[in-house]
Amino acid sequence: KNLTRFKRQFEKEGLLFEVFKGLCKKTKHRATYLTTSIELLLKYKV
């Protein structure tokens, strides 16, 4: 619940990025993979 709040705050501030959507390694359900690193975002988006 706290992570969801933080995610929303960081998104509004332009500090958090959605990298891709895929199956979560923990839950095995479709989920969004996140990062706050532009370098990691570019690595996965290329």
All heavy atoms as atom14 arrays in JSON, in Angstrom:
{
  "sequence": "KNLTRFKRQFEKEGLLFEVFKGLCKKTKHRATYLTTSIELLLKYKV",
  "atom14_mask": [
    [1, 1, 1, 1, 1, 1, 1, 1, 1, 0, 0, 0, 0, 0],
    [1, 1, 1, 1, 1, 1, 1, 1, 0, 0, 0, 0, 0, 0],
    [1, 1, 1, 1, 1, 1, 1, 1, 0, 0, 0, 0, 0, 0],
    [1, 1, 1, 1, 1, 1, 1, 0, 0, 0, 0, 0, 0, 0],
    [1, 1, 1, 1, 1, 1, 1, 1, 1, 1, 1, 0, 0, 0],
    [1, 1, 1, 1, 1, 1, 1, 1, 1, 1, 1, 0, 0, 0],
    [1, 1, 1, 1, 1, 1, 1, 1, 1, 0, 0, 0, 0, 0],
    [1, 1, 1, 1, 1, 1, 1, 1, 1, 1, 1, 0, 0, 0],
    [1, 1, 1, 1, 1, 1, 1, 1, 1, 0, 0, 0, 0, 0],
    [1, 1, 1, 1, 1, 1, 1, 1, 1, 1, 1, 0, 0, 0],
    [1, 1, 1, 1, 1, 1, 1, 1, 1, 0, 0, 0, 0, 0],
    [1, 1, 1, 1, 1, 1, 1, 1, 1, 0, 0, 0, 0, 0],
    [1, 1, 1, 1, 1, 1, 1, 1, 1, 0, 0, 0, 0, 0],
    [1, 1, 1, 1, 0, 0, 0, 0, 0, 0, 0, 0, 0, 0],
    [1, 1, 1, 1, 1, 1, 1, 1, 0, 0, 0, 0, 0, 0],
    [1, 1, 1, 1, 1, 1, 1, 1, 0, 0, 0, 0, 0, 0],
    [1, 1, 1, 1, 1, 1, 1, 1, 1, 1, 1, 0, 0, 0],
    [1, 1, 1, 1, 1, 1, 1, 1, 1, 0, 0, 0, 0, 0],
    [1, 1, 1, 1, 1, 1, 1, 0, 0, 0, 0, 0, 0, 0],
    [1, 1, 1, 1, 1, 1, 1, 1, 1, 1, 1, 0, 0, 0],
    [1, 1, 1, 1, 1, 1, 1, 1, 1, 0, 0, 0, 0, 0],
    [1, 1, 1, 1, 0, 0, 0, 0, 0, 0, 0, 0, 0, 0],
    [1, 1, 1, 1, 1, 1, 1, 1, 0, 0, 0, 0, 0, 0],
    [1, 1, 1, 1, 1, 1, 0, 0, 0, 0, 0, 0, 0, 0],
    [1, 1, 1, 1, 1, 1, 1, 1, 1, 0, 0, 0, 0, 0],
    [1, 1, 1, 1, 1, 1, 1, 1, 1, 0, 0, 0, 0, 0],
    [1, 1, 1, 1, 1, 1, 1, 0, 0, 0, 0, 0, 0, 0],
    [1, 1, 1, 1, 1, 1, 1, 1, 1, 0, 0, 0, 0, 0],
    [1, 1, 1, 1, 1, 1, 1, 1, 1, 1, 0, 0, 0, 0],
    [1, 1, 1, 1, 1, 1, 1, 1, 1, 1, 1, 0, 0, 0],
    [1, 1, 1, 1, 1, 0, 0, 0, 0, 0, 0, 0, 0, 0],
    [1, 1, 1, 1, 1, 1, 1, 0, 0, 0, 0, 0, 0, 0],
    [1, 1, 1, 1, 1, 1, 1, 1, 1, 1, 1, 1, 0, 0],
    [1, 1, 1, 1, 1, 1, 1, 1, 0, 0, 0, 0, 0, 0],
    [1, 1, 1, 1, 1, 1, 1, 0, 0, 0, 0, 0, 0, 0],
    [1, 1, 1, 1, 1, 1, 1, 0, 0, 0, 0, 0, 0, 0],
    [1, 1, 1, 1, 1, 1, 0, 0, 0, 0, 0, 0, 0, 0],
    [1, 1, 1, 1, 1, 1, 1, 1, 0, 0, 0, 0, 0, 0],
    [1, 1, 1, 1, 1, 1, 1, 1, 1, 0, 0, 0, 0, 0],
    [1, 1, 1, 1, 1, 1, 1, 1, 0, 0, 0, 0, 0, 0],
    [1, 1, 1, 1, 1, 1, 1, 1, 0, 0, 0, 0, 0, 0],
    [1, 1, 1, 1, 1, 1, 1, 1, 0, 0, 0, 0, 0, 0],
    [1, 1, 1, 1, 1, 1, 1, 1, 1, 0, 0, 0, 0, 0],
    [1, 1, 1, 1, 1, 1, 1, 1, 1, 1, 1, 1, 0, 0],
    [1, 1, 1, 1, 1, 1, 1, 1, 1, 0, 0, 0, 0, 0],
    [1, 1, 1, 1, 1, 1, 1, 0, 0, 0, 0, 0, 0, 0]
  ],
  "atom14_positions": [
    [[0.84, -1.21, 0.0], [0.0, 0.0, 0.0], [0.87, 1.26, 0.0], [0.56, 2.23, -0.69], [-0.93, 0.03, 1.21], [-2.1, -0.89, 1.1], [-3.02, -0.72, 2.28], [-4.23, -1.61, 2.13], [-5.21, -1.42, 3.19], [0.0, 0.0, 0.0], [0.0, 0.0, 0.0], [0.0, 0.0, 0.0], [0.0, 0.0, 0.0], [0.0, 0.0, 0.0]],
    [[1.94, 1.24, 0.77], [2.85, 2.39, 0.79], [3.56, 2.55, -0.54], [3.72, 3.66, -1.04], [3.87, 2.26, 1.92], [3.26, 2.43, 3.28], [2.06, 2.63, 3.43], [4.08, 2.35, 4.31], [0.0, 0.0, 0.0], [0.0, 0.0, 0.0], [0.0, 0.0, 0.0], [0.0, 0.0, 0.0], [0.0, 0.0, 0.0], [0.0, 0.0, 0.0]],
    [[3.97, 1.43, -1.14], [4.66, 1.5, -2.43], [3.76, 2.11, -3.49], [4.22, 2.88, -4.34], [5.13, 0.11, -2.87], [6.18, -0.56, -1.99], [6.55, -1.92, -2.56], [7.4, 0.3, -1.8], [0.0, 0.0, 0.0], [0.0, 0.0, 0.0], [0.0, 0.0, 0.0], [0.0, 0.0, 0.0], [0.0, 0.0, 0.0], [0.0, 0.0, 0.0]],
    [[2.47, 1.78, -3.45], [1.52, 2.33, -4.41], [1.43, 3.85, -4.25], [1.39, 4.59, -5.24], [0.14, 1.68, -4.23], [0.29, 0.26, -4.4], [-0.86, 2.2, -5.23], [0.0, 0.0, 0.0], [0.0, 0.0, 0.0], [0.0, 0.0, 0.0], [0.0, 0.0, 0.0], [0.0, 0.0, 0.0], [0.0, 0.0, 0.0], [0.0, 0.0, 0.0]],
    [[1.41, 4.32, -3.01], [1.39, 5.77, -2.77], [2.67, 6.43, -3.28], [2.63, 7.47, -3.95], [1.26, 6.04, -1.27], [-0.09, 5.73, -0.71], [-0.17, 6.13, 0.77], [-1.29, 5.5, 1.38], [-1.25, 4.4, 2.14], [-0.09, 3.86, 2.43], [-2.34, 3.88, 2.64], [0.0, 0.0, 0.0], [0.0, 0.0, 0.0], [0.0, 0.0, 0.0]],
    [[3.81, 5.81, -2.96], [5.09, 6.37, -3.41], [5.16, 6.39, -4.94], [5.64, 7.36, -5.52], [6.26, 5.56, -2.86], [6.3, 5.44, -1.37], [6.85, 4.31, -0.78], [5.81, 6.42, -0.53], [6.92, 4.18, 0.6], [5.86, 6.31, 0.85], [6.41, 5.18, 1.42], [0.0, 0.0, 0.0], [0.0, 0.0, 0.0], [0.0, 0.0, 0.0]],
    [[4.69, 5.32, -5.56], [4.71, 5.22, -7.03], [3.96, 6.39, -7.64], [4.45, 7.06, -8.55], [4.09, 3.9, -7.48], [3.98, 3.74, -8.98], [3.32, 2.4, -9.33], [3.22, 2.22, -10.82], [1.96, 2.71, -11.38], [0.0, 0.0, 0.0], [0.0, 0.0, 0.0], [0.0, 0.0, 0.0], [0.0, 0.0, 0.0], [0.0, 0.0, 0.0]],
    [[2.77, 6.65, -7.14], [1.96, 7.75, -7.66], [2.68, 9.1, -7.48], [2.73, 9.92, -8.39], [0.59, 7.76, -6.97], [-0.37, 8.8, -7.51], [-1.76, 8.7, -6.9], [-1.71, 8.56, -5.46], [-2.19, 7.51, -4.78], [-2.74, 6.51, -5.39], [-2.11, 7.49, -3.46], [0.0, 0.0, 0.0], [0.0, 0.0, 0.0], [0.0, 0.0, 0.0]],
    [[3.27, 9.31, -6.3], [3.99, 10.56, -6.03], [5.18, 10.73, -6.98], [5.38, 11.8, -7.57], [4.47, 10.6, -4.59], [3.37, 10.72, -3.57], [3.86, 10.5, -2.13], [5.05, 10.33, -1.89], [2.93, 10.51, -1.19], [0.0, 0.0, 0.0], [0.0, 0.0, 0.0], [0.0, 0.0, 0.0], [0.0, 0.0, 0.0], [0.0, 0.0, 0.0]],
    [[5.96, 9.66, -7.14], [7.14, 9.74, -8.01], [6.73, 9.92, -9.48], [7.41, 10.62, -10.23], [8.03, 8.5, -7.85], [8.75, 8.43, -6.54], [8.89, 7.22, -5.87], [9.3, 9.56, -5.95], [9.56, 7.14, -4.66], [9.98, 9.49, -4.74], [10.11, 8.28, -4.09], [0.0, 0.0, 0.0], [0.0, 0.0, 0.0], [0.0, 0.0, 0.0]],
    [[5.63, 9.3, -9.9], [5.16, 9.49, -11.27], [4.77, 10.94, -11.52], [5.12, 11.52, -12.55], [3.96, 8.58, -11.56], [4.32, 7.13, -11.79], [3.12, 6.24, -11.94], [2.06, 6.5, -11.33], [3.24, 5.24, -12.7], [0.0, 0.0, 0.0], [0.0, 0.0, 0.0], [0.0, 0.0, 0.0], [0.0, 0.0, 0.0], [0.0, 0.0, 0.0]],
    [[4.05, 11.53, -10.56], [3.63, 12.93, -10.69], [4.84, 13.86, -10.78], [4.79, 14.89, -11.45], [2.74, 13.34, -9.51], [1.35, 12.79, -9.6], [0.52, 13.26, -8.41], [-0.88, 12.68, -8.48], [-1.69, 13.13, -7.32], [0.0, 0.0, 0.0], [0.0, 0.0, 0.0], [0.0, 0.0, 0.0], [0.0, 0.0, 0.0], [0.0, 0.0, 0.0]],
    [[5.91, 13.51, -10.09], [7.14, 14.31, -10.09], [8.04, 13.99, -11.28], [9.09, 14.61, -11.45], [7.9, 14.1, -8.78], [7.14, 14.58, -7.55], [7.77, 14.14, -6.24], [8.9, 13.61, -6.25], [7.12, 14.32, -5.2], [0.0, 0.0, 0.0], [0.0, 0.0, 0.0], [0.0, 0.0, 0.0], [0.0, 0.0, 0.0], [0.0, 0.0, 0.0]],
    [[7.66, 13.0, -12.08], [8.46, 12.61, -13.24], [9.71, 11.84, -12.87], [10.67, 11.82, -13.64], [0.0, 0.0, 0.0], [0.0, 0.0, 0.0], [0.0, 0.0, 0.0], [0.0, 0.0, 0.0], [0.0, 0.0, 0.0], [0.0, 0.0, 0.0], [0.0, 0.0, 0.0], [0.0, 0.0, 0.0], [0.0, 0.0, 0.0], [0.0, 0.0, 0.0]],
    [[9.71, 11.19, -11.71], [10.91, 10.49, -11.21], [10.85, 8.98, -11.37], [11.85, 8.3, -11.16], [11.11, 10.83, -9.73], [11.35, 12.29, -9.41], [11.37, 12.5, -7.9], [12.64, 12.78, -10.03], [0.0, 0.0, 0.0], [0.0, 0.0, 0.0], [0.0, 0.0, 0.0], [0.0, 0.0, 0.0], [0.0, 0.0, 0.0], [0.0, 0.0, 0.0]],
    [[9.69, 8.43, -11.72], [9.52, 6.98, -11.81], [9.03, 6.64, -13.21], [8.18, 7.35, -13.76], [8.51, 6.49, -10.76], [8.35, 4.99, -10.69], [8.38, 4.54, -9.23], [7.07, 4.55, -11.33], [0.0, 0.0, 0.0], [0.0, 0.0, 0.0], [0.0, 0.0, 0.0], [0.0, 0.0, 0.0], [0.0, 0.0, 0.0], [0.0, 0.0, 0.0]],
    [[9.56, 5.57, -13.76], [9.25, 5.19, -15.14], [8.72, 3.77, -15.21], [9.21, 2.88, -14.52], [10.5, 5.3, -16.01], [11.22, 6.59, -15.84], [12.36, 6.67, -15.06], [10.74, 7.75, -16.44], [13.03, 7.87, -14.89], [11.4, 8.95, -16.27], [12.55, 9.02, -15.49], [0.0, 0.0, 0.0], [0.0, 0.0, 0.0], [0.0, 0.0, 0.0]],
    [[7.73, 3.56, -16.08], [7.24, 2.22, -16.38], [8.12, 1.67, -17.48], [8.17, 2.23, -18.58], [5.78, 2.27, -16.79], [4.86, 2.69, -15.67], [3.39, 2.61, -16.04], [3.05, 2.33, -17.21], [2.56, 2.84, -15.14], [0.0, 0.0, 0.0], [0.0, 0.0, 0.0], [0.0, 0.0, 0.0], [0.0, 0.0, 0.0], [0.0, 0.0, 0.0]],
    [[8.8, 0.59, -17.21], [9.77, 0.03, -18.15], [9.05, -0.89, -19.14], [9.19, -0.74, -20.34], [10.89, -0.73, -17.41], [11.9, -1.31, -18.38], [11.57, 0.19, -16.41], [0.0, 0.0, 0.0], [0.0, 0.0, 0.0], [0.0, 0.0, 0.0], [0.0, 0.0, 0.0], [0.0, 0.0, 0.0], [0.0, 0.0, 0.0], [0.0, 0.0, 0.0]],
    [[8.3, -1.85, -18.63], [7.53, -2.75, -19.48], [6.48, -3.46, -18.64], [6.54, -3.42, -17.41], [8.43, -3.78, -20.2], [9.16, -4.73, -19.29], [8.61, -5.94, -18.93], [10.42, -4.41, -18.8], [9.29, -6.82, -18.09], [11.12, -5.28, -17.97], [10.54, -6.49, -17.61], [0.0, 0.0, 0.0], [0.0, 0.0, 0.0], [0.0, 0.0, 0.0]],
    [[5.53, -4.09, -19.31], [4.52, -4.9, -18.63], [4.81, -6.35, -18.95], [5.14, -6.7, -20.08], [3.12, -4.52, -19.08], [2.75, -3.12, -18.65], [1.34, -2.77, -19.03], [1.14, -1.3, -18.78], [0.19, -0.92, -17.86], [0.0, 0.0, 0.0], [0.0, 0.0, 0.0], [0.0, 0.0, 0.0], [0.0, 0.0, 0.0], [0.0, 0.0, 0.0]],
    [[4.73, -7.18, -17.93], [4.99, -8.6, -18.11], [4.55, -9.36, -16.88], [3.96, -8.78, -15.96], [0.0, 0.0, 0.0], [0.0, 0.0, 0.0], [0.0, 0.0, 0.0], [0.0, 0.0, 0.0], [0.0, 0.0, 0.0], [0.0, 0.0, 0.0], [0.0, 0.0, 0.0], [0.0, 0.0, 0.0], [0.0, 0.0, 0.0], [0.0, 0.0, 0.0]],
    [[4.83, -10.64, -16.84], [4.47, -11.44, -15.68], [5.43, -11.14, -14.54], [6.65, -11.17, -14.71], [4.51, -12.93, -16.01], [3.45, -13.43, -16.98], [3.59, -14.94, -17.18], [2.06, -13.1, -16.49], [0.0, 0.0, 0.0], [0.0, 0.0, 0.0], [0.0, 0.0, 0.0], [0.0, 0.0, 0.0], [0.0, 0.0, 0.0], [0.0, 0.0, 0.0]],
    [[4.86, -10.84, -13.39], [5.65, -10.58, -12.2], [6.33, -11.87, -11.76], [5.69, -12.92, -11.7], [4.74, -10.04, -11.09], [5.56, -9.85, -9.5], [0.0, 0.0, 0.0], [0.0, 0.0, 0.0], [0.0, 0.0, 0.0], [0.0, 0.0, 0.0], [0.0, 0.0, 0.0], [0.0, 0.0, 0.0], [0.0, 0.0, 0.0], [0.0, 0.0, 0.0]],
    [[7.6, -11.79, -11.45], [8.34, -12.97, -10.99], [7.84, -13.47, -9.64], [8.0, -14.63, -9.31], [9.83, -12.66, -10.91], [10.46, -12.39, -12.25], [11.92, -12.0, -12.1], [12.52, -11.66, -13.46], [13.92, -11.21, -13.33], [0.0, 0.0, 0.0], [0.0, 0.0, 0.0], [0.0, 0.0, 0.0], [0.0, 0.0, 0.0], [0.0, 0.0, 0.0]],
    [[7.22, -12.59, -8.86], [6.74, -12.95, -7.52], [5.32, -13.52, -7.58], [5.04, -14.57, -7.01], [6.79, -11.71, -6.62], [6.3, -11.94, -5.21], [7.26, -12.79, -4.44], [6.75, -12.96, -3.03], [7.3, -14.11, -2.38], [0.0, 0.0, 0.0], [0.0, 0.0, 0.0], [0.0, 0.0, 0.0], [0.0, 0.0, 0.0], [0.0, 0.0, 0.0]],
    [[4.4, -12.81, -8.25], [2.99, -13.19, -8.23], [2.56, -14.02, -9.42], [1.49, -14.64, -9.39], [2.09, -11.94, -8.19], [2.26, -11.21, -9.41], [2.41, -11.08, -6.99], [0.0, 0.0, 0.0], [0.0, 0.0, 0.0], [0.0, 0.0, 0.0], [0.0, 0.0, 0.0], [0.0, 0.0, 0.0], [0.0, 0.0, 0.0], [0.0, 0.0, 0.0]],
    [[3.35, -14.0, -10.48], [3.02, -14.68, -11.75], [1.8, -14.07, -12.44], [1.18, -14.68, -13.28], [2.8, -16.19, -11.55], [3.9, -16.91, -10.82], [5.2, -16.86, -11.58], [6.23, -17.71, -10.89], [7.48, -17.08, -10.64], [0.0, 0.0, 0.0], [0.0, 0.0, 0.0], [0.0, 0.0, 0.0], [0.0, 0.0, 0.0], [0.0, 0.0, 0.0]],
    [[1.46, -12.84, -12.06], [0.37, -12.11, -12.7], [0.95, -10.97, -13.52], [2.07, -10.51, -13.27], [-0.6, -11.53, -11.66], [-1.39, -12.58, -10.94], [-2.51, -13.16, -11.47], [-1.2, -13.16, -9.73], [-2.99, -14.06, -10.62], [-2.2, -14.08, -9.56], [0.0, 0.0, 0.0], [0.0, 0.0, 0.0], [0.0, 0.0, 0.0], [0.0, 0.0, 0.0]],
    [[0.18, -10.48, -14.48], [0.62, -9.36, -15.3], [0.81, -8.12, -14.42], [-0.05, -7.8, -13.59], [-0.42, -9.08, -16.39], [0.04, -8.1, -17.42], [-0.83, -8.21, -18.67], [-0.61, -7.13, -19.59], [0.43, -7.04, -20.4], [1.36, -7.98, -20.38], [0.57, -6.02, -21.22], [0.0, 0.0, 0.0], [0.0, 0.0, 0.0], [0.0, 0.0, 0.0]],
    [[1.94, -7.46, -14.59], [2.27, -6.3, -13.76], [3.21, -5.38, -14.53], [3.76, -5.75, -15.56], [2.93, -6.76, -12.46], [0.0, 0.0, 0.0], [0.0, 0.0, 0.0], [0.0, 0.0, 0.0], [0.0, 0.0, 0.0], [0.0, 0.0, 0.0], [0.0, 0.0, 0.0], [0.0, 0.0, 0.0], [0.0, 0.0, 0.0], [0.0, 0.0, 0.0]],
    [[3.38, -4.2, -13.99], [4.27, -3.21, -14.59], [5.61, -3.21, -13.86], [5.66, -3.1, -12.64], [3.64, -1.81, -14.5], [2.35, -1.85, -15.12], [4.5, -0.78, -15.19], [0.0, 0.0, 0.0], [0.0, 0.0, 0.0], [0.0, 0.0, 0.0], [0.0, 0.0, 0.0], [0.0, 0.0, 0.0], [0.0, 0.0, 0.0], [0.0, 0.0, 0.0]],
    [[6.67, -3.34, -14.63], [8.03, -3.26, -14.09], [8.45, -1.8, -14.07], [8.24, -1.06, -15.04], [9.0, -4.09, -14.92], [8.9, -5.57, -14.61], [7.85, -6.33, -15.08], [9.86, -6.18, -13.81], [7.75, -7.68, -14.77], [9.77, -7.53, -13.5], [8.72, -8.27, -13.98], [8.62, -9.6, -13.66], [0.0, 0.0, 0.0], [0.0, 0.0, 0.0]],
    [[9.02, -1.37, -12.95], [9.32, 0.04, -12.69], [10.8, 0.27, -12.42], [11.51, -0.65, -12.0], [8.54, 0.49, -11.44], [7.05, 0.19, -11.42], [6.49, 0.39, -10.02], [6.33, 1.06, -12.43], [0.0, 0.0, 0.0], [0.0, 0.0, 0.0], [0.0, 0.0, 0.0], [0.0, 0.0, 0.0], [0.0, 0.0, 0.0], [0.0, 0.0, 0.0]],
    [[11.22, 1.52, -12.62], [12.56, 1.95, -12.23], [12.55, 3.46, -12.04], [11.67, 4.14, -12.55], [13.63, 1.54, -13.26], [14.93, 1.79, -12.7], [13.51, 2.31, -14.55], [0.0, 0.0, 0.0], [0.0, 0.0, 0.0], [0.0, 0.0, 0.0], [0.0, 0.0, 0.0], [0.0, 0.0, 0.0], [0.0, 0.0, 0.0], [0.0, 0.0, 0.0]],
    [[13.53, 3.95, -11.3], [13.74, 5.39, -11.19], [15.02, 5.79, -11.91], [15.44, 6.93, -11.85], [13.81, 5.85, -9.71], [14.82, 5.1, -9.04], [12.48, 5.65, -9.01], [0.0, 0.0, 0.0], [0.0, 0.0, 0.0], [0.0, 0.0, 0.0], [0.0, 0.0, 0.0], [0.0, 0.0, 0.0], [0.0, 0.0, 0.0], [0.0, 0.0, 0.0]],
    [[15.64, 4.85, -12.6], [16.9, 5.07, -13.3], [16.66, 5.24, -14.8], [16.15, 4.33, -15.46], [17.84, 3.89, -13.07], [18.93, 3.94, -13.96], [0.0, 0.0, 0.0], [0.0, 0.0, 0.0], [0.0, 0.0, 0.0], [0.0, 0.0, 0.0], [0.0, 0.0, 0.0], [0.0, 0.0, 0.0], [0.0, 0.0, 0.0], [0.0, 0.0, 0.0]],
    [[17.05, 6.37, -15.33], [16.93, 6.59, -16.78], [17.81, 5.61, -17.53], [17.43, 5.1, -18.59], [17.28, 8.05, -17.14], [16.2, 8.98, -16.57], [17.4, 8.23, -18.65], [16.47, 10.44, -16.72], [0.0, 0.0, 0.0], [0.0, 0.0, 0.0], [0.0, 0.0, 0.0], [0.0, 0.0, 0.0], [0.0, 0.0, 0.0], [0.0, 0.0, 0.0]],
    [[18.99, 5.29, -16.98], [19.9, 4.34, -17.62], [19.25, 2.96, -17.76], [19.33, 2.33, -18.81], [21.22, 4.23, -16.84], [22.08, 5.47, -16.9], [21.64, 6.56, -15.91], [20.87, 6.27, -14.96], [22.05, 7.71, -16.1], [0.0, 0.0, 0.0], [0.0, 0.0, 0.0], [0.0, 0.0, 0.0], [0.0, 0.0, 0.0], [0.0, 0.0, 0.0]],
    [[18.6, 2.5, -16.68], [17.93, 1.19, -16.76], [16.73, 1.25, -17.69], [16.47, 0.29, -18.42], [17.49, 0.73, -15.36], [18.61, 0.29, -14.43], [18.06, -0.04, -13.04], [19.33, -0.92, -15.0], [0.0, 0.0, 0.0], [0.0, 0.0, 0.0], [0.0, 0.0, 0.0], [0.0, 0.0, 0.0], [0.0, 0.0, 0.0], [0.0, 0.0, 0.0]],
    [[16.01, 2.35, -17.7], [14.88, 2.51, -18.61], [15.36, 2.38, -20.05], [14.77, 1.62, -20.83], [14.22, 3.88, -18.39], [13.1, 4.24, -19.36], [11.9, 3.32, -19.18], [12.7, 5.69, -19.18], [0.0, 0.0, 0.0], [0.0, 0.0, 0.0], [0.0, 0.0, 0.0], [0.0, 0.0, 0.0], [0.0, 0.0, 0.0], [0.0, 0.0, 0.0]],
    [[16.42, 3.09, -20.4], [16.94, 3.04, -21.77], [17.47, 1.67, -22.12], [17.34, 1.21, -23.25], [18.0, 4.11, -21.95], [17.52, 5.56, -21.85], [18.68, 6.52, -21.92], [16.47, 5.87, -22.91], [0.0, 0.0, 0.0], [0.0, 0.0, 0.0], [0.0, 0.0, 0.0], [0.0, 0.0, 0.0], [0.0, 0.0, 0.0], [0.0, 0.0, 0.0]],
    [[18.07, 1.0, -21.16], [18.62, -0.34, -21.39], [17.52, -1.32, -21.8], [17.69, -2.13, -22.69], [19.32, -0.83, -20.12], [19.87, -2.22, -20.22], [20.54, -2.63, -18.91], [20.96, -4.07, -18.93], [21.53, -4.49, -17.66], [0.0, 0.0, 0.0], [0.0, 0.0, 0.0], [0.0, 0.0, 0.0], [0.0, 0.0, 0.0], [0.0, 0.0, 0.0]],
    [[16.36, -1.23, -21.13], [15.27, -2.16, -21.41], [14.39, -1.71, -22.57], [13.73, -2.52, -23.19], [14.4, -2.36, -20.17], [15.03, -3.29, -19.17], [15.88, -2.8, -18.17], [14.8, -4.65, -19.2], [16.47, -3.65, -17.26], [15.37, -5.5, -18.3], [16.22, -5.0, -17.31], [16.8, -5.85, -16.41], [0.0, 0.0, 0.0], [0.0, 0.0, 0.0]],
    [[14.37, -0.42, -22.86], [13.52, 0.1, -23.94], [14.16, -0.05, -25.31], [13.47, -0.01, -26.31], [13.19, 1.59, -23.7], [12.25, 1.82, -22.55], [10.84, 1.48, -22.94], [9.88, 1.88, -21.85], [8.5, 1.63, -22.2], [0.0, 0.0, 0.0], [0.0, 0.0, 0.0], [0.0, 0.0, 0.0], [0.0, 0.0, 0.0], [0.0, 0.0, 0.0]],
    [[15.48, -0.19, -25.37], [16.18, -0.25, -26.66], [16.02, -1.56, -27.34], [15.59, -2.52, -27.02], [17.68, 0.07, -26.47], [18.45, -0.14, -27.75], [17.83, 1.47, -25.97], [0.0, 0.0, 0.0], [0.0, 0.0, 0.0], [0.0, 0.0, 0.0], [0.0, 0.0, 0.0], [0.0, 0.0, 0.0], [0.0, 0.0, 0.0], [0.0, 0.0, 0.0]]
  ]
}
